[in-house]
Amino acid sequence: MTETVRVHLAERSYDILIGEGLIGRAGDLIGPLLRRKRVAIVTDSSVAPLHLDALKAGLAAGGVEASALVLPAGEATKSWEQLSRTVEWLLAEKVERNDVVVALGGGVIGDLVGFAAAILRRGVRFVQVPTTLLAQVDSSVGGKTAINSPAGKNLIGAFHQPSLVLADVSVLETLPRRDFLAGYGEVMKYGLLGDASFFVWLEENALDMIDGDVAKRIHAVKRSCEMKAEIVARDETEQGDRALLNLGHTFCHALEAATGYSDRLLHGEGVSIGCTLAFELSAKLGLCAQETPSRVRAHLAEVGAKRDLADIPGDLPDAAALLTLMGQDKKVIDGQLRFVLARGIGEAFVDANVPTEAVLDVLQGALAGR
């Protein structure tokens, strides 16, 4: 079973294909995009041993040749150094504007390769083949590409839409449970921000999905992609509605910076914790019921996901320092932080007038819980 979600962006529209065995059909699926039957693949040292040969075989079955660059695994790869290495390799491979670059990996590879494609020859096409749950439901869709800076996460980048996304749920079998649960933070986010019925479905079905139910995995990925596609179609470059997708991310990005973008805190884990903090802030401001943050936290506890600052190993800065780190967030406009808050499950909105004292109170309370 293969599901298709269309991202409607006029001449930049593209399909997200979701199902089993898509990598094995990559030649037939990517082939129609190609003027000449060759692609350049960029992946990383964790993904390559697991999926690179299968992708090359799938391409070859459709008559498509492939060369590959394998980068180091990890968040540190989203850097000027590895971006330069990637671009120079693509130039050495004589990738032309009408060719296609394939990003095989999680969010780090997708973001880096998408940015490389955006700046190479002023823009070449690329295909996302996301290999993590987080990448399948979030970073591979919507055209945000970036690398990190010492000043903050994803501060250097461009909007550059892929030509196709192949979300092969078969590859999720190779994910460590921690990585799958990290990706689940982004799945849950969609229910929290705009679809209460999806959140109820997750409360009833998430454990089966996490334990390997393929049909439920396909449904969860499809619904997540549908919601993101709808929002991206309305607001491609994040001038309005698209900011809703950042539910939990203002807190998350500060926590990632505080932990040095290390494996102390995976991005999706930061999103899960950030969502609980966003609902705590919403409740403190009287926007939603006091029970709502507890419901979010209880669900994360049931599936075994991180939900509190106490779940992050090692020391953290104090509340004031975390607030300063939030000031580097991309959602800052005219020096004013914008938070995604909620009036309830599935009722998120963006607010640029949140009292600093309320944010500090939430952070101090969360730190006290450690």
Protein backbone atom coordinates (compact mmCIF):
# COMPACT_ATOMS: atom_id res chain seq x y z
CA MET A 1 0.00 0.00 0.00
CA THR A 2 1.38 3.37 -1.04
CA GLU A 3 -0.28 6.62 0.02
CA THR A 4 0.29 9.94 -1.74
CA VAL A 5 0.14 13.41 -0.24
CA ARG A 6 0.39 16.34 -2.66
CA VAL A 7 2.11 19.55 -1.60
CA HIS A 8 0.36 22.24 -3.65
CA LEU A 9 2.80 25.04 -4.51
CA ALA A 10 1.94 25.91 -8.11
CA GLU A 11 4.93 25.07 -10.35
CA ARG A 12 6.87 23.81 -7.30
CA SER A 13 4.22 21.23 -6.31
CA TYR A 14 5.40 17.73 -5.52
CA ASP A 15 4.29 14.39 -4.10
CA ILE A 16 5.12 12.70 -0.83
CA LEU A 17 4.89 8.93 -1.31
CA ILE A 18 4.37 6.92 1.88
CA GLY A 19 4.53 3.14 2.05
CA GLU A 20 6.67 0.01 2.25
CA GLY A 21 9.45 -0.89 -0.21
CA LEU A 22 9.74 2.50 -1.90
CA ILE A 23 13.55 2.45 -1.85
CA GLY A 24 13.46 -0.75 -3.90
CA ARG A 25 11.38 1.09 -6.51
CA ALA A 26 13.48 4.26 -6.45
CA GLY A 27 14.57 4.00 -10.10
CA ASP A 28 11.00 3.86 -11.34
CA LEU A 29 9.83 6.58 -8.95
CA ILE A 30 12.70 9.04 -9.46
CA GLY A 31 13.35 8.17 -13.11
CA PRO A 32 10.58 10.39 -14.55
CA LEU A 33 12.32 13.44 -13.03
CA LEU A 34 15.60 12.75 -14.82
CA ARG A 35 16.87 14.06 -18.14
CA ARG A 36 19.84 11.75 -17.92
CA LYS A 37 19.72 8.53 -15.93
CA ARG A 38 22.09 9.38 -13.13
CA VAL A 39 21.83 10.89 -9.65
CA ALA A 40 24.21 11.96 -6.90
CA ILE A 41 23.38 10.60 -3.44
CA VAL A 42 24.50 12.22 -0.20
CA THR A 43 24.11 10.23 3.01
CA ASP A 44 25.91 9.73 6.32
CA SER A 45 28.02 7.09 8.02
CA SER A 46 25.13 5.74 10.09
CA VAL A 47 22.65 5.41 7.23
CA ALA A 48 25.02 4.25 4.47
CA PRO A 49 25.67 0.73 5.86
CA LEU A 50 21.94 0.19 6.33
CA HIS A 51 20.32 1.64 3.21
CA LEU A 52 22.79 2.94 0.59
CA ASP A 53 23.22 -0.36 -1.26
CA ALA A 54 19.45 -0.90 -1.28
CA LEU A 55 18.90 2.56 -2.75
CA LYS A 56 21.56 2.03 -5.41
CA ALA A 57 19.98 -1.31 -6.30
CA GLY A 58 16.53 0.26 -6.45
CA LEU A 59 17.84 2.97 -8.76
CA ALA A 60 19.73 0.48 -10.92
CA ALA A 61 16.57 -1.60 -11.33
CA GLY A 62 15.08 1.45 -13.04
CA GLY A 63 18.18 2.06 -15.14
CA VAL A 64 19.52 4.92 -13.02
CA GLU A 65 23.23 5.18 -12.17
CA ALA A 66 24.31 6.66 -8.85
CA SER A 67 27.40 7.99 -7.14
CA ALA A 68 27.47 8.63 -3.39
CA LEU A 69 29.12 10.84 -0.79
CA VAL A 70 29.10 9.63 2.82
CA LEU A 71 29.33 12.37 5.46
CA PRO A 72 29.89 11.96 9.21
CA ALA A 73 26.74 11.27 11.20
CA GLY A 74 25.45 13.74 13.75
CA GLU A 75 24.16 17.28 14.22
CA ALA A 76 27.69 18.69 13.88
CA THR A 77 27.53 17.82 10.18
CA LYS A 78 25.16 20.75 9.62
CA SER A 79 28.17 23.06 9.31
CA TRP A 80 29.95 25.29 6.81
CA GLU A 81 32.71 22.68 6.55
CA GLN A 82 30.45 19.82 5.50
CA LEU A 83 28.30 22.08 3.32
CA SER A 84 31.42 23.16 1.43
CA ARG A 85 32.57 19.55 1.15
CA THR A 86 29.18 18.53 -0.26
CA VAL A 87 28.98 21.35 -2.80
CA GLU A 88 32.53 20.76 -4.03
CA TRP A 89 31.83 17.04 -4.39
CA LEU A 90 28.66 17.73 -6.37
CA LEU A 91 30.61 20.04 -8.66
CA ALA A 92 33.30 17.38 -9.08
CA GLU A 93 30.54 14.94 -10.01
CA LYS A 94 29.52 17.46 -12.70
CA VAL A 95 25.98 17.77 -11.35
CA GLU A 96 24.07 20.08 -13.68
CA ARG A 97 21.04 22.27 -13.01
CA ASN A 98 18.75 19.68 -14.62
CA ASP A 99 20.15 16.79 -12.59
CA VAL A 100 18.81 15.49 -9.27
CA VAL A 101 20.59 15.18 -5.94
CA VAL A 102 19.22 12.59 -3.51
CA ALA A 103 19.30 13.16 0.26
CA LEU A 104 19.32 9.76 1.99
CA GLY A 105 19.12 10.14 5.74
CA GLY A 106 17.50 11.91 8.63
CA GLY A 107 16.91 15.58 9.22
CA VAL A 108 20.58 16.53 9.33
CA ILE A 109 21.27 15.13 5.87
CA GLY A 110 17.99 16.42 4.45
CA ASP A 111 18.63 19.95 5.71
CA LEU A 112 22.27 20.04 4.60
CA VAL A 113 21.73 18.47 1.18
CA GLY A 114 18.68 20.62 0.51
CA PHE A 115 20.73 23.74 1.25
CA ALA A 116 23.58 22.49 -0.95
CA ALA A 117 21.06 21.91 -3.77
CA ALA A 118 19.61 25.38 -3.23
CA ILE A 119 22.95 27.14 -3.72
CA LEU A 120 24.57 24.83 -6.29
CA ARG A 121 24.36 26.48 -9.72
CA ARG A 122 21.72 28.78 -8.14
CA GLY A 123 19.43 25.84 -7.56
CA VAL A 124 19.33 22.19 -8.62
CA ARG A 125 16.54 19.73 -7.96
CA PHE A 126 16.70 17.26 -5.10
CA VAL A 127 14.74 14.30 -3.78
CA GLN A 128 14.28 13.52 -0.11
CA VAL A 129 14.55 9.88 1.00
CA PRO A 130 14.07 10.31 4.76
CA THR A 131 15.21 7.42 6.94
CA THR A 132 13.92 8.55 10.34
CA LEU A 133 10.38 9.07 11.58
CA LEU A 134 11.19 12.69 12.39
CA ALA A 135 12.42 13.36 8.86
CA GLN A 136 9.47 11.55 7.27
CA VAL A 137 6.87 13.64 9.08
CA ASP A 138 8.67 16.96 9.32
CA SER A 139 12.06 17.99 7.99
CA SER A 140 11.80 16.32 4.55
CA VAL A 141 8.57 18.21 3.77
CA GLY A 142 8.18 21.92 3.17
CA GLY A 143 11.47 23.08 1.70
CA LYS A 144 13.24 24.41 4.78
CA THR A 145 16.96 23.78 4.35
CA ALA A 146 19.74 24.94 6.64
CA ILE A 147 22.94 24.51 8.56
CA ASN A 148 23.64 25.54 12.15
CA SER A 149 25.69 28.43 13.50
CA PRO A 150 27.38 28.83 16.89
CA ALA A 151 24.72 31.52 17.40
CA GLY A 152 21.86 29.06 16.99
CA LYS A 153 20.20 26.22 15.12
CA ASN A 154 19.19 26.50 11.44
CA LEU A 155 20.11 30.19 11.21
CA ILE A 156 21.81 29.82 7.80
CA GLY A 157 19.66 28.40 5.04
CA ALA A 158 17.12 28.83 2.28
CA PHE A 159 13.64 27.74 1.24
CA HIS A 160 14.14 25.14 -1.51
CA GLN A 161 11.38 22.62 -2.17
CA PRO A 162 12.21 19.01 -3.06
CA SER A 163 10.91 17.51 -6.29
CA LEU A 164 9.75 14.31 -4.57
CA VAL A 165 9.73 12.74 -1.10
CA LEU A 166 9.93 8.96 -0.69
CA ALA A 167 8.89 8.07 2.87
CA ASP A 168 9.61 4.34 3.02
CA VAL A 169 8.29 3.16 6.38
CA SER A 170 10.24 -0.10 5.99
CA VAL A 171 13.44 1.72 6.97
CA LEU A 172 11.95 2.64 10.35
CA GLU A 173 12.59 -0.95 11.41
CA THR A 174 16.30 -0.10 11.63
CA LEU A 175 15.75 2.89 13.94
CA PRO A 176 16.80 2.56 17.56
CA ARG A 177 13.78 2.97 19.85
CA ARG A 178 15.12 6.25 21.21
CA ASP A 179 15.27 7.73 17.71
CA PHE A 180 11.77 6.49 16.89
CA LEU A 181 10.41 8.05 20.07
CA ALA A 182 12.22 11.29 19.27
CA GLY A 183 10.46 11.37 15.91
CA TYR A 184 7.20 10.69 17.69
CA GLY A 185 7.51 14.11 19.30
CA GLU A 186 6.93 15.67 15.88
CA VAL A 187 4.02 13.31 15.12
CA MET A 188 2.28 14.21 18.37
CA LYS A 189 2.89 17.90 17.65
CA TYR A 190 0.49 17.79 14.70
CA GLY A 191 -2.38 16.58 16.86
CA LEU A 192 -1.59 19.18 19.49
CA LEU A 193 -1.43 22.09 17.08
CA GLY A 194 -4.44 21.49 14.86
CA ASP A 195 -6.19 18.11 14.99
CA ALA A 196 -7.60 17.01 18.33
CA SER A 197 -9.06 13.86 16.76
CA PHE A 198 -5.59 12.84 15.56
CA PHE A 199 -4.26 13.29 19.09
CA VAL A 200 -7.05 11.04 20.39
CA TRP A 201 -6.09 8.49 17.70
CA LEU A 202 -2.50 8.66 18.93
CA GLU A 203 -3.60 8.15 22.53
CA GLU A 204 -5.34 4.97 21.37
CA ASN A 205 -2.84 3.70 18.78
CA ALA A 206 0.63 5.14 19.40
CA LEU A 207 1.93 2.14 21.32
CA ASP A 208 0.97 -0.22 18.46
CA MET A 209 2.61 2.12 15.96
CA ILE A 210 5.79 2.36 18.01
CA ASP A 211 5.87 -1.42 18.39
CA GLY A 212 5.82 -1.91 14.62
CA ASP A 213 2.25 -1.88 13.26
CA VAL A 214 2.95 -0.92 9.64
CA ALA A 215 -0.57 0.23 8.74
CA LYS A 216 -0.66 2.53 11.76
CA ARG A 217 2.79 3.86 10.94
CA ILE A 218 1.64 4.69 7.42
CA HIS A 219 -1.46 6.41 8.78
CA ALA A 220 0.54 8.46 11.29
CA VAL A 221 3.08 9.55 8.68
CA LYS A 222 0.36 10.34 6.15
CA ARG A 223 -1.74 12.43 8.55
CA SER A 224 1.33 14.31 9.74
CA CYS A 225 2.38 15.04 6.14
CA GLU A 226 -1.17 16.07 5.19
CA MET A 227 -1.24 18.63 7.97
CA LYS A 228 2.19 19.99 7.14
CA ALA A 229 1.39 20.11 3.41
CA GLU A 230 -1.80 22.09 4.08
CA ILE A 231 0.04 24.64 6.20
CA VAL A 232 3.00 24.94 3.81
CA ALA A 233 0.64 25.48 0.87
CA ARG A 234 -0.93 28.41 2.74
CA ASP A 235 2.33 29.91 3.96
CA GLU A 236 5.44 28.59 2.20
CA THR A 237 7.98 31.00 3.72
CA GLU A 238 6.61 31.22 7.26
CA GLN A 239 5.02 34.65 7.23
CA GLY A 240 1.98 33.50 9.19
CA ASP A 241 0.32 30.10 9.63
CA ARG A 242 3.49 28.09 9.08
CA ALA A 243 4.83 29.32 12.40
CA LEU A 244 2.27 26.98 14.01
CA LEU A 245 4.55 24.10 13.01
CA ASN A 246 7.02 25.45 15.57
CA LEU A 247 4.88 24.39 18.53
CA GLY A 248 7.38 23.53 21.26
CA HIS A 249 10.34 24.61 19.17
CA THR A 250 11.16 27.91 20.89
CA PHE A 251 11.83 25.97 24.09
CA CYS A 252 13.37 23.08 22.14
CA HIS A 253 15.96 25.16 20.27
CA ALA A 254 17.10 26.81 23.50
CA LEU A 255 17.48 23.40 25.14
CA GLU A 256 19.41 22.07 22.15
CA ALA A 257 21.79 25.03 22.33
CA ALA A 258 22.14 24.55 26.10
CA THR A 259 23.13 20.91 25.58
CA GLY A 260 25.57 21.73 22.78
CA TYR A 261 23.52 20.07 20.01
CA SER A 262 24.76 16.79 21.44
CA ASP A 263 23.16 13.39 21.95
CA ARG A 264 22.18 14.51 25.44
CA LEU A 265 19.03 15.76 23.72
CA LEU A 266 17.76 14.70 20.30
CA HIS A 267 15.71 17.26 18.38
CA GLY A 268 12.46 15.33 18.65
CA GLU A 269 13.00 14.85 22.38
CA GLY A 270 13.39 18.61 22.66
CA VAL A 271 10.12 19.03 20.75
CA SER A 272 8.29 16.71 23.16
CA ILE A 273 9.62 18.59 26.18
CA GLY A 274 9.00 21.90 24.41
CA CYS A 275 5.36 20.98 23.78
CA THR A 276 4.78 20.24 27.45
CA LEU A 277 6.37 23.59 28.36
CA ALA A 278 4.27 25.40 25.73
CA PHE A 279 1.11 23.93 27.26
CA GLU A 280 2.35 24.76 30.76
CA LEU A 281 2.84 28.35 29.60
CA SER A 282 -0.61 28.37 27.98
CA ALA A 283 -2.18 27.12 31.19
CA LYS A 284 -0.28 29.71 33.27
CA LEU A 285 -1.65 32.43 31.00
CA GLY A 286 -5.19 31.09 31.46
CA LEU A 287 -5.53 30.04 27.83
CA CYS A 288 -6.23 26.36 28.41
CA ALA A 289 -7.38 24.16 31.28
CA GLN A 290 -4.84 23.31 33.97
CA GLU A 291 -5.43 19.62 33.19
CA THR A 292 -4.31 19.94 29.56
CA PRO A 293 -0.53 19.98 30.14
CA SER A 294 -0.97 16.94 32.40
CA ARG A 295 -2.76 15.11 29.60
CA VAL A 296 0.12 15.82 27.20
CA ARG A 297 2.69 14.73 29.77
CA ALA A 298 0.71 11.57 30.63
CA HIS A 299 0.58 10.54 26.98
CA LEU A 300 4.33 11.01 26.57
CA ALA A 301 4.90 9.01 29.74
CA GLU A 302 2.72 6.18 28.42
CA VAL A 303 4.76 5.82 25.23
CA GLY A 304 8.06 6.23 27.08
CA ALA A 305 9.08 9.58 25.55
CA LYS A 306 10.92 12.44 27.24
CA ARG A 307 8.63 15.09 28.64
CA ASP A 308 10.38 17.11 31.36
CA LEU A 309 13.66 18.95 31.89
CA ALA A 310 14.42 16.24 34.44
CA ASP A 311 14.68 13.80 31.52
CA ILE A 312 17.74 15.65 30.14
CA PRO A 313 20.99 14.31 31.62
CA GLY A 314 23.63 16.72 32.90
CA ASP A 315 23.46 20.32 34.01
CA LEU A 316 21.32 23.00 32.40
CA PRO A 317 21.60 26.79 32.55
CA ASP A 318 19.26 28.74 34.79
CA ALA A 319 15.95 30.16 33.57
CA ALA A 320 17.40 33.55 32.63
CA ALA A 321 20.13 31.94 30.53
CA LEU A 322 17.61 29.70 28.76
CA LEU A 323 15.50 32.77 27.99
CA THR A 324 18.56 34.45 26.48
CA LEU A 325 19.11 31.40 24.25
CA MET A 326 15.50 31.70 23.10
CA GLY A 327 16.39 35.17 21.83
CA GLN A 328 18.38 33.55 19.00
CA ASP A 329 15.28 31.74 17.73
CA LYS A 330 14.37 32.42 14.08
CA LYS A 331 10.86 33.40 15.17
CA VAL A 332 12.14 36.55 16.85
CA ILE A 333 10.73 39.62 15.05
CA ASP A 334 11.83 43.15 15.97
CA GLY A 335 13.47 41.67 19.04
CA GLN A 336 10.19 40.15 20.23
CA LEU A 337 9.88 36.42 20.84
CA ARG A 338 6.87 34.69 19.31
CA PHE A 339 5.50 31.64 21.10
CA VAL A 340 3.11 29.02 19.77
CA LEU A 341 0.50 28.69 22.50
CA ALA A 342 -2.76 26.73 22.71
CA ARG A 343 -6.32 27.19 23.90
CA GLY A 344 -6.59 23.42 24.10
CA ILE A 345 -5.58 20.23 22.30
CA GLY A 346 -5.64 21.02 18.56
CA GLU A 347 -6.08 24.77 19.08
CA ALA A 348 -2.66 26.36 18.66
CA PHE A 349 -1.97 29.97 17.74
CA VAL A 350 1.02 32.33 17.57
CA ASP A 351 1.44 35.06 20.19
CA ALA A 352 4.12 37.77 20.22
CA ASN A 353 2.98 39.35 23.47
CA VAL A 354 3.85 36.77 26.08
CA PRO A 355 5.03 38.32 29.36
CA THR A 356 8.68 37.50 30.03
CA GLU A 357 7.84 36.88 33.67
CA ALA A 358 5.44 34.07 32.73
CA VAL A 359 8.09 32.35 30.60
CA LEU A 360 10.64 32.64 33.42
CA ASP A 361 8.13 31.22 35.90
CA VAL A 362 7.52 28.18 33.67
CA LEU A 363 11.24 27.61 33.17
CA GLN A 364 12.00 28.03 36.86
CA GLY A 365 9.26 25.59 37.76
CA ALA A 366 10.54 23.06 35.21
CA LEU A 367 14.11 23.43 36.47
CA ALA A 368 12.96 23.01 40.05
CA GLY A 369 11.46 19.68 39.01
CA ARG A 370 14.93 18.39 38.17
